[in-house]
Amino acid sequence: THNGWTPSVVAVIGNAEYTATFTETPRIYTITLNTNDGTINAGNVTSYTYGVGATLPTNVTKENHQFDGWFDNSDCTGTAVTAISITDTGNKEYWAKWTELPKYIVTWSADGHSIKTEEVYVNEQVSVVPTISDIPEENRCGDKFVGWTTEAIPTPQDDAPGYFTTAANSPAITSDITFYAVFADYAD
């Protein structure tokens, strides 16, 4: 912004030289980030300054989705944008692109019979583990329910490694999988 002349302009009585002086006024533009139902966890930006630019946030999450970047169009086509350069000008708007994580089928089996199936996202744990009351009596092959395992023909032992009875103790799902009910006789 022009703020005057140096030296101050006076009546001209001969050759004179004047230098214009300016005050720097940064040009600041807005940034609009459309998360498409995601959450920006850190690094959110709402504006940038010409000559400085900005980096778009990468700590962006959406449940059961992978973040694929920011795009300058709502169809999320073309090349992802990671930053606004120091020479960019104008307001900017970007859209987050998401890819749903794969789901896998979890099958719960007792005595060779499927009693329940569910879909689980990759690296998630099951939501609910069937209990003894979820297993029909005709599919119980022992007196005592020990837990679940991935072994098709498990060896029933109390507290055997790999057995689980709660969702919190279940393994992370990385492919289609079957869990088998493990029973033991009281005499064992």
N, C-alpha and C. Protein backbone atom coordinates (compact mmCIF):
# COMPACT_ATOMS: atom_id res chain seq x y z
N THR A 1 0.85 -1.17 0.00
CA THR A 1 0.00 0.00 0.00
C THR A 1 0.90 1.23 0.00
N HIS A 2 0.66 2.18 -0.93
CA HIS A 2 1.47 3.40 -1.02
C HIS A 2 1.18 4.28 0.19
N ASN A 3 2.26 4.72 0.88
CA ASN A 3 2.03 5.55 2.05
C ASN A 3 2.80 6.88 2.00
N GLY A 4 3.28 7.25 0.84
CA GLY A 4 3.89 8.58 0.71
C GLY A 4 5.17 8.56 -0.09
N TRP A 5 5.87 9.74 -0.01
CA TRP A 5 7.10 9.93 -0.75
C TRP A 5 8.21 10.34 0.19
N THR A 6 9.43 9.99 -0.19
CA THR A 6 10.60 10.41 0.59
C THR A 6 11.55 11.13 -0.36
N PRO A 7 12.02 12.30 -0.05
CA PRO A 7 11.56 13.15 1.04
C PRO A 7 10.15 13.65 0.76
N SER A 8 9.59 14.36 1.70
CA SER A 8 8.24 14.90 1.50
C SER A 8 8.26 15.82 0.28
N VAL A 9 7.19 15.76 -0.47
CA VAL A 9 7.09 16.57 -1.69
C VAL A 9 6.88 18.03 -1.28
N VAL A 10 7.68 18.90 -1.90
CA VAL A 10 7.58 20.34 -1.66
C VAL A 10 7.41 21.04 -3.01
N ALA A 11 7.17 22.31 -2.98
CA ALA A 11 7.04 23.06 -4.23
C ALA A 11 8.30 22.86 -5.06
N VAL A 12 8.13 22.59 -6.32
CA VAL A 12 9.25 22.29 -7.20
C VAL A 12 9.93 23.60 -7.60
N ILE A 13 11.20 23.68 -7.32
CA ILE A 13 11.97 24.86 -7.73
C ILE A 13 13.17 24.44 -8.56
N GLY A 14 13.27 23.14 -8.79
CA GLY A 14 14.36 22.60 -9.59
C GLY A 14 14.21 21.08 -9.66
N ASN A 15 15.23 20.47 -10.23
CA ASN A 15 15.19 19.01 -10.29
C ASN A 15 15.13 18.43 -8.89
N ALA A 16 14.31 17.43 -8.74
CA ALA A 16 14.19 16.76 -7.43
C ALA A 16 13.91 15.29 -7.66
N GLU A 17 14.36 14.51 -6.75
CA GLU A 17 14.11 13.06 -6.85
C GLU A 17 13.34 12.61 -5.61
N TYR A 18 12.27 11.88 -5.84
CA TYR A 18 11.44 11.38 -4.76
C TYR A 18 11.33 9.86 -4.89
N THR A 19 11.28 9.19 -3.75
CA THR A 19 11.14 7.73 -3.73
C THR A 19 9.80 7.40 -3.07
N ALA A 20 9.03 6.59 -3.80
CA ALA A 20 7.75 6.15 -3.24
C ALA A 20 8.01 5.16 -2.11
N THR A 21 7.24 5.27 -1.05
CA THR A 21 7.34 4.31 0.05
C THR A 21 6.02 3.54 0.15
N PHE A 22 6.17 2.30 0.55
CA PHE A 22 5.01 1.42 0.63
C PHE A 22 5.02 0.67 1.96
N THR A 23 3.85 0.33 2.42
CA THR A 23 3.69 -0.54 3.57
C THR A 23 3.23 -1.88 3.04
N GLU A 24 3.94 -2.91 3.46
CA GLU A 24 3.58 -4.24 2.98
C GLU A 24 2.27 -4.68 3.63
N THR A 25 1.32 -5.07 2.78
CA THR A 25 0.04 -5.59 3.26
C THR A 25 -0.08 -7.01 2.71
N PRO A 26 0.02 -7.99 3.59
CA PRO A 26 -0.04 -9.37 3.08
C PRO A 26 -1.39 -9.67 2.43
N ARG A 27 -1.32 -10.38 1.33
CA ARG A 27 -2.56 -10.84 0.68
C ARG A 27 -2.90 -12.20 1.29
N ILE A 28 -4.01 -12.23 1.99
CA ILE A 28 -4.45 -13.45 2.68
C ILE A 28 -5.70 -13.97 1.99
N TYR A 29 -5.70 -15.27 1.70
CA TYR A 29 -6.81 -15.92 1.02
C TYR A 29 -7.38 -17.03 1.90
N THR A 30 -8.63 -17.37 1.68
CA THR A 30 -9.27 -18.41 2.48
C THR A 30 -9.04 -19.80 1.88
N ILE A 31 -9.04 -20.78 2.76
CA ILE A 31 -8.96 -22.19 2.38
C ILE A 31 -10.20 -22.87 2.96
N THR A 32 -10.96 -23.54 2.13
CA THR A 32 -12.11 -24.31 2.59
C THR A 32 -11.81 -25.78 2.38
N LEU A 33 -11.86 -26.54 3.46
CA LEU A 33 -11.60 -27.99 3.39
C LEU A 33 -12.90 -28.74 3.66
N ASN A 34 -13.36 -29.47 2.67
CA ASN A 34 -14.56 -30.30 2.78
C ASN A 34 -14.10 -31.71 3.15
N THR A 35 -14.38 -32.14 4.37
CA THR A 35 -13.86 -33.42 4.85
C THR A 35 -14.68 -34.63 4.40
N ASN A 36 -15.84 -34.40 3.81
CA ASN A 36 -16.70 -35.53 3.40
C ASN A 36 -16.90 -36.51 4.55
N ASP A 37 -17.35 -35.97 5.69
CA ASP A 37 -17.66 -36.74 6.90
C ASP A 37 -16.42 -37.23 7.66
N GLY A 38 -15.26 -36.74 7.30
CA GLY A 38 -14.05 -37.09 8.04
C GLY A 38 -13.78 -36.06 9.13
N THR A 39 -12.67 -36.26 9.83
CA THR A 39 -12.27 -35.37 10.91
C THR A 39 -10.81 -34.96 10.72
N ILE A 40 -10.56 -33.66 10.79
CA ILE A 40 -9.18 -33.16 10.77
C ILE A 40 -8.70 -33.16 12.21
N ASN A 41 -7.72 -34.01 12.50
CA ASN A 41 -7.24 -34.18 13.87
C ASN A 41 -6.13 -33.20 14.24
N ALA A 42 -5.37 -32.75 13.26
CA ALA A 42 -4.28 -31.82 13.52
C ALA A 42 -3.90 -31.13 12.22
N GLY A 43 -3.38 -29.92 12.34
CA GLY A 43 -2.87 -29.21 11.16
C GLY A 43 -3.91 -28.53 10.31
N ASN A 44 -5.10 -28.27 10.86
CA ASN A 44 -6.16 -27.62 10.08
C ASN A 44 -5.70 -26.24 9.62
N VAL A 45 -6.03 -25.87 8.40
CA VAL A 45 -5.72 -24.55 7.86
C VAL A 45 -7.00 -23.94 7.30
N THR A 46 -7.18 -22.65 7.53
CA THR A 46 -8.36 -21.95 7.01
C THR A 46 -7.99 -20.79 6.12
N SER A 47 -6.69 -20.47 6.06
CA SER A 47 -6.23 -19.38 5.19
C SER A 47 -4.76 -19.59 4.85
N TYR A 48 -4.30 -18.83 3.86
CA TYR A 48 -2.88 -18.82 3.53
C TYR A 48 -2.51 -17.42 3.06
N THR A 49 -1.23 -17.11 3.13
CA THR A 49 -0.72 -15.81 2.76
C THR A 49 0.12 -15.95 1.50
N TYR A 50 -0.11 -15.06 0.53
CA TYR A 50 0.72 -15.04 -0.67
C TYR A 50 2.18 -14.83 -0.25
N GLY A 51 3.07 -15.62 -0.84
CA GLY A 51 4.48 -15.55 -0.49
C GLY A 51 4.88 -16.51 0.60
N VAL A 52 3.87 -17.09 1.28
CA VAL A 52 4.15 -18.05 2.35
C VAL A 52 3.60 -19.43 1.98
N GLY A 53 2.35 -19.46 1.46
CA GLY A 53 1.72 -20.73 1.11
C GLY A 53 1.20 -21.45 2.34
N ALA A 54 0.87 -22.72 2.19
CA ALA A 54 0.36 -23.52 3.31
C ALA A 54 0.46 -25.00 2.97
N THR A 55 0.56 -25.81 4.01
CA THR A 55 0.55 -27.26 3.86
C THR A 55 -0.81 -27.76 4.32
N LEU A 56 -1.42 -28.61 3.51
CA LEU A 56 -2.74 -29.16 3.86
C LEU A 56 -2.57 -30.27 4.89
N PRO A 57 -3.54 -30.43 5.78
CA PRO A 57 -3.41 -31.44 6.85
C PRO A 57 -3.40 -32.86 6.30
N THR A 58 -2.63 -33.70 6.99
CA THR A 58 -2.58 -35.13 6.62
C THR A 58 -3.13 -36.01 7.74
N ASN A 59 -3.29 -35.45 8.93
CA ASN A 59 -3.85 -36.23 10.04
C ASN A 59 -5.37 -36.08 9.99
N VAL A 60 -5.94 -36.81 9.03
CA VAL A 60 -7.38 -36.74 8.75
C VAL A 60 -7.92 -38.17 8.80
N THR A 61 -9.01 -38.37 9.53
CA THR A 61 -9.54 -39.72 9.69
C THR A 61 -11.04 -39.77 9.45
N LYS A 62 -11.47 -40.95 9.09
CA LYS A 62 -12.89 -41.28 8.95
C LYS A 62 -13.00 -42.75 9.29
N GLU A 63 -13.94 -43.09 10.14
CA GLU A 63 -14.04 -44.46 10.61
C GLU A 63 -14.14 -45.44 9.44
N ASN A 64 -13.29 -46.45 9.50
CA ASN A 64 -13.26 -47.55 8.52
C ASN A 64 -12.96 -47.09 7.11
N HIS A 65 -12.19 -46.01 6.99
CA HIS A 65 -11.80 -45.49 5.68
C HIS A 65 -10.32 -45.11 5.69
N GLN A 66 -9.74 -45.12 4.51
CA GLN A 66 -8.37 -44.67 4.31
C GLN A 66 -8.42 -43.30 3.63
N PHE A 67 -7.65 -42.35 4.14
CA PHE A 67 -7.58 -41.00 3.56
C PHE A 67 -6.68 -41.04 2.34
N ASP A 68 -7.19 -40.59 1.19
CA ASP A 68 -6.44 -40.62 -0.07
C ASP A 68 -6.00 -39.24 -0.53
N GLY A 69 -6.20 -38.21 0.28
CA GLY A 69 -5.69 -36.90 -0.06
C GLY A 69 -6.77 -35.87 -0.30
N TRP A 70 -6.31 -34.62 -0.58
CA TRP A 70 -7.19 -33.49 -0.87
C TRP A 70 -7.19 -33.24 -2.37
N PHE A 71 -8.38 -32.94 -2.91
CA PHE A 71 -8.51 -32.70 -4.35
C PHE A 71 -9.22 -31.38 -4.57
N ASP A 72 -8.90 -30.75 -5.70
CA ASP A 72 -9.47 -29.43 -5.98
C ASP A 72 -10.82 -29.48 -6.67
N ASN A 73 -11.45 -30.65 -6.65
CA ASN A 73 -12.79 -30.79 -7.23
C ASN A 73 -13.58 -31.80 -6.40
N SER A 74 -14.90 -31.63 -6.39
CA SER A 74 -15.75 -32.47 -5.54
C SER A 74 -15.81 -33.93 -6.00
N ASP A 75 -15.40 -34.21 -7.24
CA ASP A 75 -15.35 -35.60 -7.72
C ASP A 75 -14.06 -36.29 -7.28
N CYS A 76 -13.15 -35.52 -6.70
CA CYS A 76 -11.86 -36.04 -6.23
C CYS A 76 -11.10 -36.76 -7.34
N THR A 77 -11.04 -36.12 -8.50
CA THR A 77 -10.30 -36.67 -9.63
C THR A 77 -9.04 -35.84 -9.85
N GLY A 78 -8.12 -36.42 -10.58
CA GLY A 78 -6.87 -35.73 -10.85
C GLY A 78 -5.82 -36.09 -9.82
N THR A 79 -4.95 -35.15 -9.55
CA THR A 79 -3.84 -35.37 -8.62
C THR A 79 -4.15 -34.74 -7.27
N ALA A 80 -3.84 -35.46 -6.23
CA ALA A 80 -4.05 -34.93 -4.88
C ALA A 80 -3.15 -33.71 -4.65
N VAL A 81 -3.67 -32.76 -3.88
CA VAL A 81 -2.94 -31.54 -3.55
C VAL A 81 -2.46 -31.66 -2.11
N THR A 82 -1.17 -31.42 -1.88
CA THR A 82 -0.61 -31.50 -0.53
C THR A 82 -0.29 -30.13 0.06
N ALA A 83 -0.08 -29.14 -0.83
CA ALA A 83 0.31 -27.82 -0.34
C ALA A 83 -0.11 -26.74 -1.33
N ILE A 84 -0.20 -25.52 -0.82
CA ILE A 84 -0.44 -24.34 -1.63
C ILE A 84 0.91 -23.63 -1.74
N SER A 85 1.35 -23.35 -2.95
CA SER A 85 2.69 -22.79 -3.15
C SER A 85 2.76 -21.32 -2.76
N ILE A 86 3.96 -20.80 -2.67
CA ILE A 86 4.16 -19.40 -2.29
C ILE A 86 3.70 -18.43 -3.38
N THR A 87 3.50 -18.94 -4.60
CA THR A 87 3.07 -18.05 -5.70
C THR A 87 1.59 -18.18 -6.00
N ASP A 88 0.88 -19.08 -5.30
CA ASP A 88 -0.56 -19.22 -5.52
C ASP A 88 -1.29 -17.98 -5.04
N THR A 89 -2.41 -17.71 -5.68
CA THR A 89 -3.27 -16.61 -5.26
C THR A 89 -4.72 -17.08 -5.31
N GLY A 90 -5.60 -16.37 -4.63
CA GLY A 90 -7.03 -16.66 -4.67
C GLY A 90 -7.46 -17.63 -3.59
N ASN A 91 -8.75 -17.59 -3.30
CA ASN A 91 -9.34 -18.52 -2.35
C ASN A 91 -9.27 -19.94 -2.91
N LYS A 92 -9.09 -20.91 -2.04
CA LYS A 92 -8.95 -22.32 -2.45
C LYS A 92 -9.99 -23.17 -1.73
N GLU A 93 -10.46 -24.20 -2.44
CA GLU A 93 -11.41 -25.15 -1.85
C GLU A 93 -10.96 -26.56 -2.24
N TYR A 94 -10.94 -27.46 -1.24
CA TYR A 94 -10.49 -28.84 -1.46
C TYR A 94 -11.46 -29.82 -0.82
N TRP A 95 -11.48 -31.05 -1.37
CA TRP A 95 -12.35 -32.11 -0.89
C TRP A 95 -11.50 -33.32 -0.52
N ALA A 96 -11.84 -33.95 0.60
CA ALA A 96 -11.14 -35.15 1.04
C ALA A 96 -11.67 -36.35 0.26
N LYS A 97 -10.75 -37.19 -0.16
CA LYS A 97 -11.12 -38.43 -0.85
C LYS A 97 -10.89 -39.59 0.10
N TRP A 98 -11.86 -40.52 0.15
CA TRP A 98 -11.81 -41.67 1.05
C TRP A 98 -12.01 -42.97 0.29
N THR A 99 -11.35 -44.01 0.75
CA THR A 99 -11.57 -45.37 0.25
C THR A 99 -11.98 -46.22 1.45
N GLU A 100 -13.12 -46.89 1.34
CA GLU A 100 -13.57 -47.75 2.43
C GLU A 100 -12.60 -48.91 2.60
N LEU A 101 -12.26 -49.22 3.84
CA LEU A 101 -11.37 -50.34 4.13
C LEU A 101 -12.07 -51.65 3.79
N PRO A 102 -11.30 -52.68 3.47
CA PRO A 102 -11.92 -53.97 3.16
C PRO A 102 -12.61 -54.58 4.38
N LYS A 103 -13.64 -55.36 4.10
CA LYS A 103 -14.34 -56.11 5.15
C LYS A 103 -14.09 -57.59 4.92
N TYR A 104 -14.07 -58.32 6.02
CA TYR A 104 -13.89 -59.76 5.95
C TYR A 104 -15.02 -60.46 6.68
N ILE A 105 -15.28 -61.68 6.28
CA ILE A 105 -16.34 -62.48 6.88
C ILE A 105 -15.76 -63.30 8.02
N VAL A 106 -16.38 -63.15 9.18
CA VAL A 106 -16.02 -63.96 10.35
C VAL A 106 -17.15 -64.96 10.56
N THR A 107 -16.80 -66.24 10.61
CA THR A 107 -17.77 -67.31 10.82
C THR A 107 -17.49 -67.96 12.17
N TRP A 108 -18.55 -68.16 12.93
CA TRP A 108 -18.45 -68.83 14.23
C TRP A 108 -19.02 -70.24 14.04
N SER A 109 -18.23 -71.25 14.35
CA SER A 109 -18.62 -72.64 14.09
C SER A 109 -18.53 -73.46 15.37
N ALA A 110 -19.54 -74.31 15.57
CA ALA A 110 -19.55 -75.23 16.71
C ALA A 110 -19.92 -76.61 16.20
N ASP A 111 -19.07 -77.57 16.49
CA ASP A 111 -19.31 -78.96 16.09
C ASP A 111 -19.59 -79.06 14.59
N GLY A 112 -18.85 -78.27 13.79
CA GLY A 112 -18.98 -78.33 12.33
C GLY A 112 -20.16 -77.57 11.76
N HIS A 113 -20.89 -76.84 12.59
CA HIS A 113 -22.06 -76.08 12.12
C HIS A 113 -21.83 -74.59 12.34
N SER A 114 -22.12 -73.81 11.31
CA SER A 114 -22.01 -72.36 11.43
C SER A 114 -23.16 -71.85 12.28
N ILE A 115 -22.82 -71.09 13.34
CA ILE A 115 -23.88 -70.58 14.20
C ILE A 115 -24.09 -69.08 14.03
N LYS A 116 -23.10 -68.41 13.43
CA LYS A 116 -23.21 -66.97 13.26
C LYS A 116 -22.12 -66.50 12.30
N THR A 117 -22.43 -65.46 11.50
CA THR A 117 -21.41 -64.82 10.68
C THR A 117 -21.55 -63.30 10.86
N GLU A 118 -20.47 -62.60 10.60
CA GLU A 118 -20.50 -61.14 10.64
C GLU A 118 -19.40 -60.60 9.74
N GLU A 119 -19.57 -59.37 9.30
CA GLU A 119 -18.54 -58.69 8.53
C GLU A 119 -17.75 -57.78 9.46
N VAL A 120 -16.43 -57.81 9.31
CA VAL A 120 -15.56 -57.00 10.16
C VAL A 120 -14.55 -56.29 9.26
N TYR A 121 -14.30 -55.01 9.53
CA TYR A 121 -13.30 -54.27 8.77
C TYR A 121 -11.90 -54.78 9.09
N VAL A 122 -11.01 -54.66 8.12
CA VAL A 122 -9.63 -55.10 8.29
C VAL A 122 -9.02 -54.46 9.53
N ASN A 123 -8.25 -55.27 10.26
CA ASN A 123 -7.54 -54.88 11.48
C ASN A 123 -8.45 -54.50 12.64
N GLU A 124 -9.75 -54.75 12.52
CA GLU A 124 -10.67 -54.52 13.63
C GLU A 124 -10.85 -55.86 14.36
N GLN A 125 -11.39 -55.77 15.56
CA GLN A 125 -11.76 -56.97 16.29
C GLN A 125 -13.25 -57.20 16.11
N VAL A 126 -13.69 -58.41 16.39
CA VAL A 126 -15.12 -58.70 16.30
C VAL A 126 -15.86 -57.85 17.32
N SER A 127 -17.15 -57.61 17.05
CA SER A 127 -17.92 -56.75 17.96
C SER A 127 -18.46 -57.52 19.15
N VAL A 128 -18.92 -58.74 18.92
CA VAL A 128 -19.50 -59.56 19.99
C VAL A 128 -19.06 -61.00 19.78
N VAL A 129 -18.62 -61.62 20.85
CA VAL A 129 -18.23 -63.03 20.79
C VAL A 129 -19.40 -63.86 21.30
N PRO A 130 -19.83 -64.88 20.52
CA PRO A 130 -20.93 -65.72 20.99
C PRO A 130 -20.58 -66.40 22.32
N THR A 131 -21.57 -66.55 23.15
CA THR A 131 -21.39 -67.23 24.44
C THR A 131 -21.98 -68.63 24.33
N ILE A 132 -21.85 -69.39 25.40
CA ILE A 132 -22.39 -70.75 25.41
C ILE A 132 -23.88 -70.76 25.12
N SER A 133 -24.60 -69.75 25.56
CA SER A 133 -26.05 -69.72 25.32
C SER A 133 -26.39 -69.47 23.86
N ASP A 134 -25.44 -68.99 23.06
CA ASP A 134 -25.66 -68.77 21.63
C ASP A 134 -25.45 -70.04 20.81
N ILE A 135 -24.88 -71.05 21.44
CA ILE A 135 -24.58 -72.31 20.73
C ILE A 135 -25.68 -73.31 21.03
N PRO A 136 -26.39 -73.78 19.99
CA PRO A 136 -27.43 -74.77 20.23
C PRO A 136 -26.86 -76.01 20.95
N GLU A 137 -27.66 -76.59 21.85
CA GLU A 137 -27.18 -77.73 22.63
C GLU A 137 -26.71 -78.88 21.76
N GLU A 138 -27.37 -79.10 20.62
CA GLU A 138 -26.95 -80.21 19.76
C GLU A 138 -25.58 -79.98 19.12
N ASN A 139 -25.06 -78.72 19.19
CA ASN A 139 -23.74 -78.41 18.63
C ASN A 139 -22.67 -78.25 19.71
N ARG A 140 -23.00 -78.63 20.94
CA ARG A 140 -22.02 -78.58 22.02
C ARG A 140 -21.41 -79.97 22.16
N CYS A 141 -20.13 -80.05 22.03
CA CYS A 141 -19.49 -81.37 22.08
C CYS A 141 -18.62 -81.49 23.33
N GLY A 142 -19.21 -81.21 24.46
CA GLY A 142 -18.51 -81.32 25.74
C GLY A 142 -19.32 -80.63 26.81
N ASP A 143 -18.91 -80.80 28.03
CA ASP A 143 -19.65 -80.24 29.16
C ASP A 143 -19.29 -78.79 29.45
N LYS A 144 -18.06 -78.43 29.18
CA LYS A 144 -17.58 -77.12 29.57
C LYS A 144 -17.12 -76.33 28.33
N PHE A 145 -17.66 -75.11 28.18
CA PHE A 145 -17.25 -74.24 27.07
C PHE A 145 -15.94 -73.55 27.47
N VAL A 146 -14.90 -73.73 26.65
CA VAL A 146 -13.57 -73.20 26.95
C VAL A 146 -13.35 -71.85 26.26
N GLY A 147 -13.83 -71.71 25.02
CA GLY A 147 -13.63 -70.47 24.28
C GLY A 147 -13.61 -70.72 22.80
N TRP A 148 -13.00 -69.80 22.06
CA TRP A 148 -12.92 -69.86 20.60
C TRP A 148 -11.47 -69.88 20.16
N THR A 149 -11.22 -70.55 19.05
CA THR A 149 -9.88 -70.63 18.49
C THR A 149 -9.99 -70.72 16.97
N THR A 150 -8.86 -70.58 16.29
CA THR A 150 -8.83 -70.73 14.83
C THR A 150 -8.49 -72.15 14.42
N GLU A 151 -8.22 -73.01 15.38
CA GLU A 151 -7.90 -74.41 15.07
C GLU A 151 -9.18 -75.17 14.74
N ALA A 152 -9.23 -75.80 13.58
CA ALA A 152 -10.42 -76.54 13.18
C ALA A 152 -10.71 -77.71 14.11
N ILE A 153 -9.67 -78.35 14.60
CA ILE A 153 -9.84 -79.45 15.55
C ILE A 153 -9.01 -79.09 16.79
N PRO A 154 -9.58 -78.25 17.67
CA PRO A 154 -8.82 -77.80 18.83
C PRO A 154 -8.64 -78.88 19.87
N THR A 155 -7.60 -78.73 20.65
CA THR A 155 -7.36 -79.59 21.79
C THR A 155 -7.90 -78.88 23.01
N PRO A 156 -8.99 -79.36 23.60
CA PRO A 156 -9.59 -78.64 24.71
C PRO A 156 -8.72 -78.66 25.96
N GLN A 157 -8.30 -77.48 26.37
CA GLN A 157 -7.55 -77.31 27.61
C GLN A 157 -7.94 -75.96 28.18
N ASP A 158 -8.12 -75.88 29.46
CA ASP A 158 -8.42 -74.61 30.09
C ASP A 158 -7.26 -73.65 29.88
N ASP A 159 -7.58 -72.40 29.59
CA ASP A 159 -6.58 -71.34 29.43
C ASP A 159 -5.51 -71.65 28.39
N ALA A 160 -5.85 -72.41 27.37
CA ALA A 160 -4.88 -72.71 26.32
C ALA A 160 -4.59 -71.45 25.53
N PRO A 161 -3.34 -71.25 25.09
CA PRO A 161 -3.01 -70.06 24.31
C PRO A 161 -3.86 -70.00 23.04
N GLY A 162 -4.29 -68.81 22.69
CA GLY A 162 -5.07 -68.64 21.46
C GLY A 162 -6.57 -68.73 21.68
N TYR A 163 -7.02 -69.21 22.83
CA TYR A 163 -8.45 -69.26 23.10
C TYR A 163 -8.89 -67.90 23.60
N PHE A 164 -10.08 -67.48 23.22
CA PHE A 164 -10.61 -66.22 23.72
C PHE A 164 -12.10 -66.35 23.93
N THR A 165 -12.62 -65.52 24.83
CA THR A 165 -14.05 -65.55 25.14
C THR A 165 -14.70 -64.17 25.08
N THR A 166 -13.90 -63.13 24.85
CA THR A 166 -14.44 -61.77 24.77
C THR A 166 -13.94 -61.08 23.51
N ALA A 167 -14.67 -60.06 23.06
CA ALA A 167 -14.27 -59.30 21.88
C ALA A 167 -12.93 -58.62 22.11
N ALA A 168 -12.70 -58.13 23.32
CA ALA A 168 -11.45 -57.45 23.63
C ALA A 168 -10.24 -58.37 23.49
N ASN A 169 -10.45 -59.68 23.66
CA ASN A 169 -9.34 -60.63 23.54
C ASN A 169 -9.27 -61.29 22.17
N SER A 170 -10.18 -60.95 21.29
CA SER A 170 -10.17 -61.57 19.96
C SER A 170 -9.05 -60.98 19.11
N PRO A 171 -8.57 -61.74 18.13
CA PRO A 171 -7.49 -61.22 17.28
C PRO A 171 -8.02 -60.19 16.28
N ALA A 172 -7.12 -59.35 15.76
CA ALA A 172 -7.48 -58.41 14.69
C ALA A 172 -7.74 -59.22 13.43
N ILE A 173 -8.77 -58.85 12.70
CA ILE A 173 -9.18 -59.60 11.51
C ILE A 173 -8.41 -59.07 10.30
N THR A 174 -7.73 -59.97 9.59
CA THR A 174 -6.95 -59.58 8.41
C THR A 174 -7.35 -60.35 7.16
N SER A 175 -8.31 -61.26 7.30
CA SER A 175 -8.81 -62.03 6.15
C SER A 175 -10.10 -62.73 6.59
N ASP A 176 -10.79 -63.37 5.65
CA ASP A 176 -11.95 -64.18 6.04
C ASP A 176 -11.45 -65.26 7.00
N ILE A 177 -12.21 -65.51 8.06
CA ILE A 177 -11.73 -66.42 9.09
C ILE A 177 -12.90 -67.16 9.73
N THR A 178 -12.62 -68.36 10.22
CA THR A 178 -13.60 -69.13 10.99
C THR A 178 -13.02 -69.36 12.38
N PHE A 179 -13.85 -69.08 13.39
CA PHE A 179 -13.50 -69.39 14.77
C PHE A 179 -14.30 -70.61 15.19
N TYR A 180 -13.65 -71.54 15.89
CA TYR A 180 -14.25 -72.80 16.29
C TYR A 180 -14.45 -72.82 17.80
N ALA A 181 -15.63 -73.29 18.22
CA ALA A 181 -15.93 -73.44 19.64
C ALA A 181 -15.12 -74.59 20.22
N VAL A 182 -14.62 -74.39 21.42
CA VAL A 182 -13.83 -75.41 22.09
C VAL A 182 -14.58 -75.82 23.37
N PHE A 183 -14.78 -77.15 23.49
CA PHE A 183 -15.46 -77.69 24.67
C PHE A 183 -14.57 -78.72 25.33
N ALA A 184 -14.79 -78.94 26.59
CA ALA A 184 -14.07 -79.98 27.33
C ALA A 184 -15.06 -80.69 28.22
N ASP A 185 -14.77 -81.94 28.52
CA ASP A 185 -15.57 -82.69 29.48
C ASP A 185 -15.10 -82.32 30.87
N TYR A 186 -16.01 -82.31 31.83
CA TYR A 186 -15.61 -82.00 33.20
C TYR A 186 -14.53 -82.94 33.70
N ALA A 187 -14.53 -84.16 33.20
CA ALA A 187 -13.52 -85.13 33.63
C ALA A 187 -12.14 -84.75 33.14
N ASP A 188 -12.06 -83.93 32.06
CA ASP A 188 -10.75 -83.53 31.52
C ASP A 188 -10.14 -82.58 32.47
